């Protein structure tokens, strides 16, 4: 199956669920999906086109919104599915019901961006330590790091 055939199948199968679909490089496709349609679109991509492998999920802080990119692959192409959610209400539906292996990447989105992944099967922290302060999300543009005072054994401080 070539890129043009995959694009035609995506357009046909997803119809109104699909947004902009581009093919900037051979075997590389980009699809925009509105976040309410994300889980249904992922199910179609997996079941009908064989996009069963999620290599990672990336997040980008765009200021007012977050963009979430699902990097997927089948035997013919790599597909990046993009969706946006407002930073003021950062809720996203988990795709673990469709692709269970996505749980680790969704947990990382919660840790690093503060995106609430609804219906995630395991919402524990993944990257940050358990005692990390609530409301501190290191990959947000507005986050600033304040180095804690270092305590040296013997009562000295730095």
Protein backbone atom coordinates (compact mmCIF):
# COMPACT_ATOMS: atom_id res chain seq x y z
CA UNK A 1 0.00 0.00 0.00
CA UNK A 2 1.50 3.36 -0.97
CA UNK A 3 1.06 6.78 0.66
CA UNK A 4 -1.73 7.89 -1.68
CA UNK A 5 -3.71 4.71 -1.03
CA UNK A 6 -3.32 5.07 2.74
CA UNK A 7 -4.42 8.71 2.57
CA UNK A 8 -7.48 7.80 0.52
CA UNK A 9 -8.43 5.04 2.98
CA UNK A 10 -8.01 7.41 5.95
CA UNK A 11 -10.24 10.02 4.28
CA UNK A 12 -12.86 7.41 3.44
CA UNK A 13 -12.85 5.60 6.78
CA UNK A 14 -12.65 8.64 9.05
CA UNK A 15 -14.79 10.98 6.92
CA UNK A 16 -15.86 13.84 9.24
CA UNK A 17 -13.51 12.69 12.04
CA UNK A 18 -10.43 13.48 9.94
CA UNK A 19 -9.04 16.98 9.75
CA UNK A 20 -6.09 18.08 7.66
CA UNK A 21 -4.13 15.14 6.21
CA UNK A 22 -0.72 15.73 4.63
CA UNK A 23 2.13 13.67 3.21
CA UNK A 24 5.25 15.90 3.38
CA UNK A 25 7.75 13.06 2.90
CA UNK A 26 7.58 9.51 1.57
CA UNK A 27 6.08 7.10 4.12
CA UNK A 28 5.31 10.01 6.49
CA UNK A 29 1.72 11.13 7.07
CA UNK A 30 0.29 13.83 9.35
CA UNK A 31 -3.35 13.81 10.42
CA UNK A 32 -5.18 16.37 12.54
CA UNK A 33 -8.12 15.16 14.61
CA UNK A 34 -10.36 17.14 16.98
CA UNK A 35 -9.87 15.76 20.48
CA UNK A 36 -13.51 14.58 20.96
CA UNK A 37 -12.98 12.30 17.91
CA UNK A 38 -9.54 11.03 18.92
CA UNK A 39 -10.41 7.66 20.47
CA UNK A 40 -12.80 6.71 17.66
CA UNK A 41 -10.24 7.77 15.04
CA UNK A 42 -7.51 5.73 16.74
CA UNK A 43 -9.76 2.66 16.75
CA UNK A 44 -10.35 3.00 13.01
CA UNK A 45 -6.65 3.56 12.30
CA UNK A 46 -5.76 0.46 14.31
CA UNK A 47 -8.53 -1.89 13.19
CA UNK A 48 -8.82 -0.93 9.51
CA UNK A 49 -5.33 0.28 8.59
CA UNK A 50 -3.08 -1.66 10.94
CA UNK A 51 -1.61 1.29 12.83
CA UNK A 52 -1.09 -0.83 15.94
CA UNK A 53 2.28 0.51 17.08
CA UNK A 54 2.48 3.74 19.09
CA UNK A 55 6.19 4.58 19.29
CA UNK A 56 5.58 7.57 21.58
CA UNK A 57 3.19 10.37 22.45
CA UNK A 58 4.61 13.88 22.51
CA UNK A 59 3.21 17.03 24.04
CA UNK A 60 3.86 20.62 23.04
CA UNK A 61 2.93 23.70 25.06
CA UNK A 62 1.60 26.21 22.51
CA UNK A 63 0.71 28.85 25.10
CA UNK A 64 -3.10 28.80 25.16
CA UNK A 65 -3.30 25.16 24.03
CA UNK A 66 -1.47 21.88 24.25
CA UNK A 67 -0.81 19.89 21.12
CA UNK A 68 -0.55 16.14 21.57
CA UNK A 69 1.11 14.06 18.87
CA UNK A 70 0.63 10.32 18.62
CA UNK A 71 3.50 8.79 16.64
CA UNK A 72 2.20 5.59 15.06
CA UNK A 73 3.37 3.09 12.48
CA UNK A 74 2.21 0.22 10.37
CA UNK A 75 4.18 -1.80 7.84
CA UNK A 76 3.78 0.87 5.14
CA UNK A 77 4.11 4.28 6.79
CA UNK A 78 4.59 6.39 9.89
CA UNK A 79 1.58 8.43 10.95
CA UNK A 80 1.53 11.38 13.32
CA UNK A 81 -1.94 12.04 14.68
CA UNK A 82 -2.24 15.56 16.14
CA UNK A 83 -4.87 16.95 18.42
CA UNK A 84 -5.15 20.07 20.56
CA UNK A 85 -6.74 20.72 23.91
CA UNK A 86 -7.10 24.02 25.77
CA UNK A 87 -4.59 24.67 28.52
CA UNK A 88 -7.41 26.10 30.64
CA UNK A 89 -9.14 22.67 30.67
CA UNK A 90 -6.42 20.12 29.88
CA UNK A 91 -8.50 16.94 29.67
CA UNK A 92 -7.83 14.22 27.13
CA UNK A 93 -9.48 10.82 26.76
CA UNK A 94 -7.12 7.85 27.15
CA UNK A 95 -6.54 5.70 24.08
CA UNK A 96 -5.54 2.70 26.24
CA UNK A 97 -8.86 1.02 25.48
CA UNK A 98 -7.70 0.92 21.84
CA UNK A 99 -3.92 0.61 22.27
CA UNK A 100 -3.06 -0.57 25.80
CA UNK A 101 0.66 0.18 25.40
CA UNK A 102 -0.05 3.91 25.31
CA UNK A 103 -0.41 4.00 29.10
CA UNK A 104 3.25 4.84 29.76
CA UNK A 105 3.19 7.80 27.38
CA UNK A 106 -0.09 9.06 28.78
CA UNK A 107 1.33 8.90 32.30
CA UNK A 108 4.27 10.96 31.07
CA UNK A 109 1.87 13.61 29.67
CA UNK A 110 0.26 13.85 33.10
CA UNK A 111 3.62 14.22 34.87
CA UNK A 112 5.31 16.65 32.55
CA UNK A 113 2.41 18.81 31.31
CA UNK A 114 -0.38 18.39 33.85
CA UNK A 115 -2.71 17.05 31.17
CA UNK A 116 -5.49 15.04 32.80
CA UNK A 117 -5.89 11.79 30.89
CA UNK A 118 -9.42 10.62 31.60
CA UNK A 119 -10.00 6.88 32.09
CA UNK A 120 -6.28 6.03 32.13
CA UNK A 121 -5.96 2.54 33.64
CA UNK A 122 -2.91 3.45 35.75
CA UNK A 123 -2.52 7.11 36.64
CA UNK A 124 0.50 6.83 38.92
CA UNK A 125 3.48 9.08 38.33
CA UNK A 126 5.96 7.72 35.86
CA UNK A 127 8.82 10.18 35.39
CA UNK A 128 8.72 12.49 38.40
CA UNK A 129 9.43 11.39 41.98
CA UNK A 130 6.49 10.61 44.25
CA UNK A 131 7.19 13.66 46.42
CA UNK A 132 7.18 16.07 43.46
CA UNK A 133 5.04 19.13 44.31
CA UNK A 134 1.51 19.18 42.90
CA UNK A 135 0.91 21.79 40.22
CA UNK A 136 4.54 21.77 39.03
CA UNK A 137 4.83 20.60 35.41
CA UNK A 138 8.37 20.83 34.00
CA UNK A 139 7.53 20.92 30.28
CA UNK A 140 5.10 23.81 30.48
CA UNK A 141 6.48 27.07 29.15
CA UNK A 142 5.42 28.95 32.27
CA UNK A 143 7.25 26.59 34.68
CA UNK A 144 10.37 27.87 36.41
CA UNK A 145 12.81 25.78 38.35
CA UNK A 146 13.71 26.85 41.86
CA UNK A 147 16.67 24.92 43.15
CA UNK A 148 16.08 23.66 46.69
CA UNK A 149 18.64 24.45 49.31
CA UNK A 150 21.19 21.67 49.37
CA UNK A 151 21.69 20.01 52.73
CA UNK A 152 25.15 18.67 53.42
CA UNK A 153 25.57 16.00 56.10
CA UNK A 154 26.84 17.51 59.32
CA UNK A 155 24.43 20.44 59.39
CA UNK A 156 26.06 22.64 56.72
CA UNK A 157 24.04 24.14 53.90
CA UNK A 158 25.17 25.39 50.51
